[in-house]
C-alpha atoms as a PDB file:
ATOM      1  CA  UNK A   1      22.929 -14.781  51.304  1.00  0.00           C
ATOM      2  CA  UNK A   2      23.630 -12.727  48.280  1.00  0.00           C
ATOM      3  CA  UNK A   3      25.780  -9.484  48.513  1.00  0.00           C
ATOM      4  CA  UNK A   4      25.625  -6.667  45.894  1.00  0.00           C
ATOM      5  CA  UNK A   5      27.997  -3.795  45.478  1.00  0.00           C
ATOM      6  CA  UNK A   6      26.410  -0.746  43.868  1.00  0.00           C
ATOM      7  CA  UNK A   7      27.733   2.190  41.713  1.00  0.00           C
ATOM      8  CA  UNK A   8      26.652   4.604  44.413  1.00  0.00           C
ATOM      9  CA  UNK A   9      28.854   2.829  46.959  1.00  0.00           C
ATOM     10  CA  UNK A  10      25.991   0.990  48.808  1.00  0.00           C
ATOM     11  CA  UNK A  11      26.433  -2.604  49.820  1.00  0.00           C
ATOM     12  CA  UNK A  12      23.260  -4.733  50.079  1.00  0.00           C
ATOM     13  CA  UNK A  13      22.598  -8.102  51.634  1.00  0.00           C
ATOM     14  CA  UNK A  14      19.706 -10.143  50.348  1.00  0.00           C
ATOM     15  CA  UNK A  15      18.511 -13.168  52.430  1.00  0.00           C
ATOM     16  CA  UNK A  16      16.419 -15.155  49.936  1.00  0.00           C
ATOM     17  CA  UNK A  17      14.606 -16.880  52.912  1.00  0.00           C
ATOM     18  CA  UNK A  18      13.137 -13.544  53.998  1.00  0.00           C
ATOM     19  CA  UNK A  19      11.979 -12.153  50.622  1.00  0.00           C
ATOM     20  CA  UNK A  20      13.317  -9.815  47.986  1.00  0.00           C
ATOM     21  CA  UNK A  21      14.123  -6.532  49.952  1.00  0.00           C
ATOM     22  CA  UNK A  22      17.889  -5.883  50.516  1.00  0.00           C
ATOM     23  CA  UNK A  23      19.499  -4.762  53.639  1.00  0.00           C
ATOM     24  CA  UNK A  24      21.884  -1.830  53.498  1.00  0.00           C
ATOM     25  CA  UNK A  25      25.211  -2.786  55.191  1.00  0.00           C
ATOM     26  CA  UNK A  26      27.759  -0.379  56.710  1.00  0.00           C
ATOM     27  CA  UNK A  27      25.878   2.724  55.527  1.00  0.00           C
ATOM     28  CA  UNK A  28      27.318   4.922  58.396  1.00  0.00           C
ATOM     29  CA  UNK A  29      30.668   4.906  56.351  1.00  0.00           C
ATOM     30  CA  UNK A  30      29.230   7.616  54.359  1.00  0.00           C
ATOM     31  CA  UNK A  31      29.094  10.196  57.090  1.00  0.00           C
ATOM     32  CA  UNK A  32      32.797  11.100  56.642  1.00  0.00           C
ATOM     33  CA  UNK A  33      33.667  10.156  53.166  1.00  0.00           C
ATOM     34  CA  UNK A  34      32.571  10.510  49.523  1.00  0.00           C
ATOM     35  CA  UNK A  35      30.533   7.683  47.851  1.00  0.00           C
ATOM     36  CA  UNK A  36      32.366   5.564  45.268  1.00  0.00           C
ATOM     37  CA  UNK A  37      31.513   2.587  43.249  1.00  0.00           C
ATOM     38  CA  UNK A  38      31.919  -0.952  44.762  1.00  0.00           C
ATOM     39  CA  UNK A  39      34.093  -3.073  42.413  1.00  0.00           C
ATOM     40  CA  UNK A  40      34.610  -6.417  44.435  1.00  0.00           C
ATOM     41  CA  UNK A  41      32.831  -8.115  47.410  1.00  0.00           C
ATOM     42  CA  UNK A  42      33.976 -11.395  48.952  1.00  0.00           C
ATOM     43  CA  UNK A  43      33.028 -13.114  52.171  1.00  0.00           C
ATOM     44  CA  UNK A  44      35.849 -14.287  54.331  1.00  0.00           C
ATOM     45  CA  UNK A  45      35.572 -16.670  57.280  1.00  0.00           C
ATOM     46  CA  UNK A  46      31.674 -16.397  57.318  1.00  0.00           C
ATOM     47  CA  UNK A  47      31.718 -12.983  59.256  1.00  0.00           C
ATOM     48  CA  UNK A  48      34.142 -10.724  57.251  1.00  0.00           C
ATOM     49  CA  UNK A  49      33.381  -8.947  53.953  1.00  0.00           C
ATOM     50  CA  UNK A  50      36.237  -7.805  51.692  1.00  0.00           C
ATOM     51  CA  UNK A  51      35.395  -4.760  49.674  1.00  0.00           C
ATOM     52  CA  UNK A  52      37.207  -2.945  46.782  1.00  0.00           C
ATOM     53  CA  UNK A  53      36.129   0.545  45.643  1.00  0.00           C
ATOM     54  CA  UNK A  54      36.800   2.615  42.632  1.00  0.00           C
ATOM     55  CA  UNK A  55      38.620   5.309  44.897  1.00  0.00           C
ATOM     56  CA  UNK A  56      41.159   2.601  45.727  1.00  0.00           C
ATOM     57  CA  UNK A  57      39.752   1.674  49.162  1.00  0.00           C
ATOM     58  CA  UNK A  58      40.424  -1.920  50.026  1.00  0.00           C
ATOM     59  CA  UNK A  59      38.978  -2.999  53.254  1.00  0.00           C
ATOM     60  CA  UNK A  60      37.290  -5.689  55.281  1.00  0.00           C
ATOM     61  CA  UNK A  61      34.070  -5.204  57.442  1.00  0.00           C
ATOM     62  CA  UNK A  62      32.555  -7.220  60.211  1.00  0.00           C
ATOM     63  CA  UNK A  63      29.230  -8.802  58.966  1.00  0.00           C
ATOM     64  CA  UNK A  64      28.119  -9.097  62.544  1.00  0.00           C
ATOM     65  CA  UNK A  65      28.024  -5.376  63.093  1.00  0.00           C
ATOM     66  CA  UNK A  66      26.538  -4.127  59.803  1.00  0.00           C
ATOM     67  CA  UNK A  67      25.293  -0.510  61.107  1.00  0.00           C
ATOM     68  CA  UNK A  68      28.808   0.502  61.689  1.00  0.00           C
ATOM     69  CA  UNK A  69      30.820   2.301  59.074  1.00  0.00           C
ATOM     70  CA  UNK A  70      34.267   1.478  60.492  1.00  0.00           C
ATOM     71  CA  UNK A  71      36.348  -1.188  58.589  1.00  0.00           C
ATOM     72  CA  UNK A  72      38.013  -3.971  60.538  1.00  0.00           C
ATOM     73  CA  UNK A  73      41.052  -3.789  58.454  1.00  0.00           C
ATOM     74  CA  UNK A  74      42.172  -1.185  55.828  1.00  0.00           C
ATOM     75  CA  UNK A  75      44.773  -2.326  53.234  1.00  0.00           C
ATOM     76  CA  UNK A  76      46.899   0.731  52.630  1.00  0.00           C
ATOM     77  CA  UNK A  77      48.679   1.351  49.390  1.00  0.00           C
ATOM     78  CA  UNK A  78      46.153   0.048  46.897  1.00  0.00           C
ATOM     79  CA  UNK A  79      46.001   2.304  43.892  1.00  0.00           C
ATOM     80  CA  UNK A  80      42.779   2.939  41.889  1.00  0.00           C
ATOM     81  CA  UNK A  81      40.917   6.073  40.614  1.00  0.00           C
ATOM     82  CA  UNK A  82      38.908   4.840  37.604  1.00  0.00           C
ATOM     83  CA  UNK A  83      39.879   1.254  36.600  1.00  0.00           C
ATOM     84  CA  UNK A  84      37.006  -1.096  36.952  1.00  0.00           C
ATOM     85  CA  UNK A  85      38.747  -4.382  36.249  1.00  0.00           C
ATOM     86  CA  UNK A  86      41.720  -5.118  38.478  1.00  0.00           C
ATOM     87  CA  UNK A  87      42.819  -8.408  39.797  1.00  0.00           C
ATOM     88  CA  UNK A  88      42.113  -9.391  43.466  1.00  0.00           C
ATOM     89  CA  UNK A  89      43.133 -12.761  44.761  1.00  0.00           C
ATOM     90  CA  UNK A  90      43.434 -14.639  48.190  1.00  0.00           C
ATOM     91  CA  UNK A  91      45.648 -17.542  48.936  1.00  0.00           C
ATOM     92  CA  UNK A  92      43.772 -20.865  49.533  1.00  0.00           C
ATOM     93  CA  UNK A  93      44.205 -20.398  53.327  1.00  0.00           C
ATOM     94  CA  UNK A  94      42.779 -16.802  53.109  1.00  0.00           C
ATOM     95  CA  UNK A  95      45.655 -15.398  54.951  1.00  0.00           C
ATOM     96  CA  UNK A  96      47.097 -13.160  52.282  1.00  0.00           C
ATOM     97  CA  UNK A  97      45.437 -10.840  49.991  1.00  0.00           C
ATOM     98  CA  UNK A  98      46.888  -9.683  46.559  1.00  0.00           C
ATOM     99  CA  UNK A  99      45.527  -6.817  44.556  1.00  0.00           C
ATOM    100  CA  UNK A 100      46.549  -5.250  41.296  1.00  0.00           C
ATOM    101  CA  UNK A 101      46.520  -1.379  40.933  1.00  0.00           C
ATOM    102  CA  UNK A 102      46.129   0.937  38.082  1.00  0.00           C
ATOM    103  CA  UNK A 103      49.740   1.819  38.558  1.00  0.00           C
ATOM    104  CA  UNK A 104      50.369  -1.638  36.981  1.00  0.00           C
ATOM    105  CA  UNK A 105      51.804  -3.077  40.216  1.00  0.00           C
ATOM    106  CA  UNK A 106      50.623  -6.002  42.388  1.00  0.00           C
ATOM    107  CA  UNK A 107      50.670  -5.563  46.159  1.00  0.00           C
ATOM    108  CA  UNK A 108      50.052  -8.124  48.975  1.00  0.00           C
ATOM    109  CA  UNK A 109      48.918  -7.830  52.539  1.00  0.00           C
ATOM    110  CA  UNK A 110      48.146  -9.900  55.589  1.00  0.00           C
ATOM    111  CA  UNK A 111      44.367 -10.333  55.570  1.00  0.00           C
ATOM    112  CA  UNK A 112      44.270 -10.207  59.311  1.00  0.00           C
ATOM    113  CA  UNK A 113      46.498  -7.292  60.206  1.00  0.00           C
ATOM    114  CA  UNK A 114      46.673  -5.243  56.891  1.00  0.00           C
ATOM    115  CA  UNK A 115      50.361  -5.295  57.054  1.00  0.00           C
ATOM    116  CA  UNK A 116      51.805  -5.095  53.555  1.00  0.00           C
ATOM    117  CA  UNK A 117      54.032  -7.877  52.118  1.00  0.00           C
ATOM    118  CA  UNK A 118      57.189  -6.265  50.862  1.00  0.00           C
ATOM    119  CA  UNK A 119      60.413  -7.580  49.663  1.00  0.00           C
ATOM    120  CA  UNK A 120      63.207  -7.861  52.197  1.00  0.00           C
ATOM    121  CA  UNK A 121      66.118  -5.688  51.787  1.00  0.00           C
ATOM    122  CA  UNK A 122      68.394  -8.677  50.985  1.00  0.00           C
ATOM    123  CA  UNK A 123      66.164  -9.625  48.090  1.00  0.00           C
ATOM    124  CA  UNK A 124      66.249  -6.079  46.734  1.00  0.00           C
ATOM    125  CA  UNK A 125      63.661  -4.988  44.224  1.00  0.00           C
ATOM    126  CA  UNK A 126      64.944  -6.794  41.087  1.00  0.00           C
ATOM    127  CA  UNK A 127      62.538  -9.388  39.915  1.00  0.00           C
ATOM    128  CA  UNK A 128      60.202  -9.296  42.941  1.00  0.00           C
ATOM    129  CA  UNK A 129      56.601  -9.286  41.767  1.00  0.00           C
ATOM    130  CA  UNK A 130      55.640  -6.417  44.313  1.00  0.00           C
ATOM    131  CA  UNK A 131      58.553  -4.232  43.024  1.00  0.00           C
ATOM    132  CA  UNK A 132      57.701  -4.871  39.374  1.00  0.00           C
ATOM    133  CA  UNK A 133      55.840  -2.605  36.959  1.00  0.00           C
ATOM    134  CA  UNK A 134      54.022  -4.816  34.456  1.00  0.00           C
ATOM    135  CA  UNK A 135      53.393  -3.827  30.871  1.00  0.00           C
ATOM    136  CA  UNK A 136      49.640  -3.455  31.401  1.00  0.00           C
ATOM    137  CA  UNK A 137      47.050  -3.364  34.273  1.00  0.00           C
ATOM    138  CA  UNK A 138      46.556  -6.821  35.688  1.00  0.00           C
ATOM    139  CA  UNK A 139      43.046  -7.712  35.169  1.00  0.00           C
ATOM    140  CA  UNK A 140      42.682 -11.027  36.751  1.00  0.00           C
ATOM    141  CA  UNK A 141      44.537 -12.965  39.353  1.00  0.00           C
ATOM    142  CA  UNK A 142      44.292 -16.329  41.197  1.00  0.00           C
ATOM    143  CA  UNK A 143      46.441 -18.027  43.772  1.00  0.00           C
ATOM    144  CA  UNK A 144      47.031 -21.681  43.587  1.00  0.00           C
ATOM    145  CA  UNK A 145      48.806 -24.311  45.788  1.00  0.00           C
ATOM    146  CA  UNK A 146      51.480 -26.094  43.626  1.00  0.00           C
ATOM    147  CA  UNK A 147      54.111 -28.573  44.312  1.00  0.00           C
ATOM    148  CA  UNK A 148      56.708 -25.910  44.572  1.00  0.00           C
ATOM    149  CA  UNK A 149      54.499 -23.750  46.859  1.00  0.00           C
ATOM    150  CA  UNK A 150      52.101 -21.026  46.349  1.00  0.00           C
ATOM    151  CA  UNK A 151      51.665 -19.570  42.883  1.00  0.00           C
ATOM    152  CA  UNK A 152      50.083 -16.336  41.915  1.00  0.00           C
ATOM    153  CA  UNK A 153      48.712 -16.334  38.333  1.00  0.00           C
ATOM    154  CA  UNK A 154      48.176 -12.793  36.765  1.00  0.00           C
ATOM    155  CA  UNK A 155      46.450 -12.189  33.539  1.00  0.00           C
ATOM    156  CA  UNK A 156      47.012  -9.076  31.463  1.00  0.00           C
ATOM    157  CA  UNK A 157      47.642  -7.817  27.885  1.00  0.00           C
ATOM    158  CA  UNK A 158      46.586 -11.368  26.371  1.00  0.00           C
ATOM    159  CA  UNK A 159      49.161 -13.139  28.539  1.00  0.00           C
ATOM    160  CA  UNK A 160      49.215 -15.168  31.702  1.00  0.00           C
ATOM    161  CA  UNK A 161      52.134 -14.832  34.096  1.00  0.00           C
ATOM    162  CA  UNK A 162      53.046 -17.345  36.922  1.00  0.00           C
ATOM    163  CA  UNK A 163      54.606 -15.806  39.874  1.00  0.00           C
ATOM    164  CA  UNK A 164      56.027 -18.159  42.682  1.00  0.00           C
ATOM    165  CA  UNK A 165      55.288 -16.659  46.218  1.00  0.00           C
ATOM    166  CA  UNK A 166      57.230 -19.079  48.202  1.00  0.00           C
ATOM    167  CA  UNK A 167      58.298 -22.581  48.858  1.00  0.00           C
ATOM    168  CA  UNK A 168      56.758 -25.282  50.975  1.00  0.00           C
END
């Protein structure tokens, strides 16, 4: 299977076993909202599709019900209006989603519930990666499992930053 996100907001699925014609997915979502370019697609757990759009929408859809236009989970708080290259990463267990916004912040959510990951009040906002405004837009991210725990790598402004997310 090959998935393609288009500038007009369409999402197509191509099954190479069946030929060259693509199937439009989730086309019903355009009934109540304006079309916007698809920036990122990623298959999760064989039946979910993570999508990111130019208007800031960050959602997962159910690949078993492709006519429906309703997302399974919507990740509130993602910021984008025009930036094409914003970092998006999932942890190795695919339980947490991290996305950079054009406001130069990184946000995190539970993949399954859409609940945002926010610093606890005891941590305060000082030095917490989700409370930090970075010097430039984060264009690329990756989460790795290190000896010390999960690590989020964020690249921007010709630098690579390592952010420890937690300890094992």
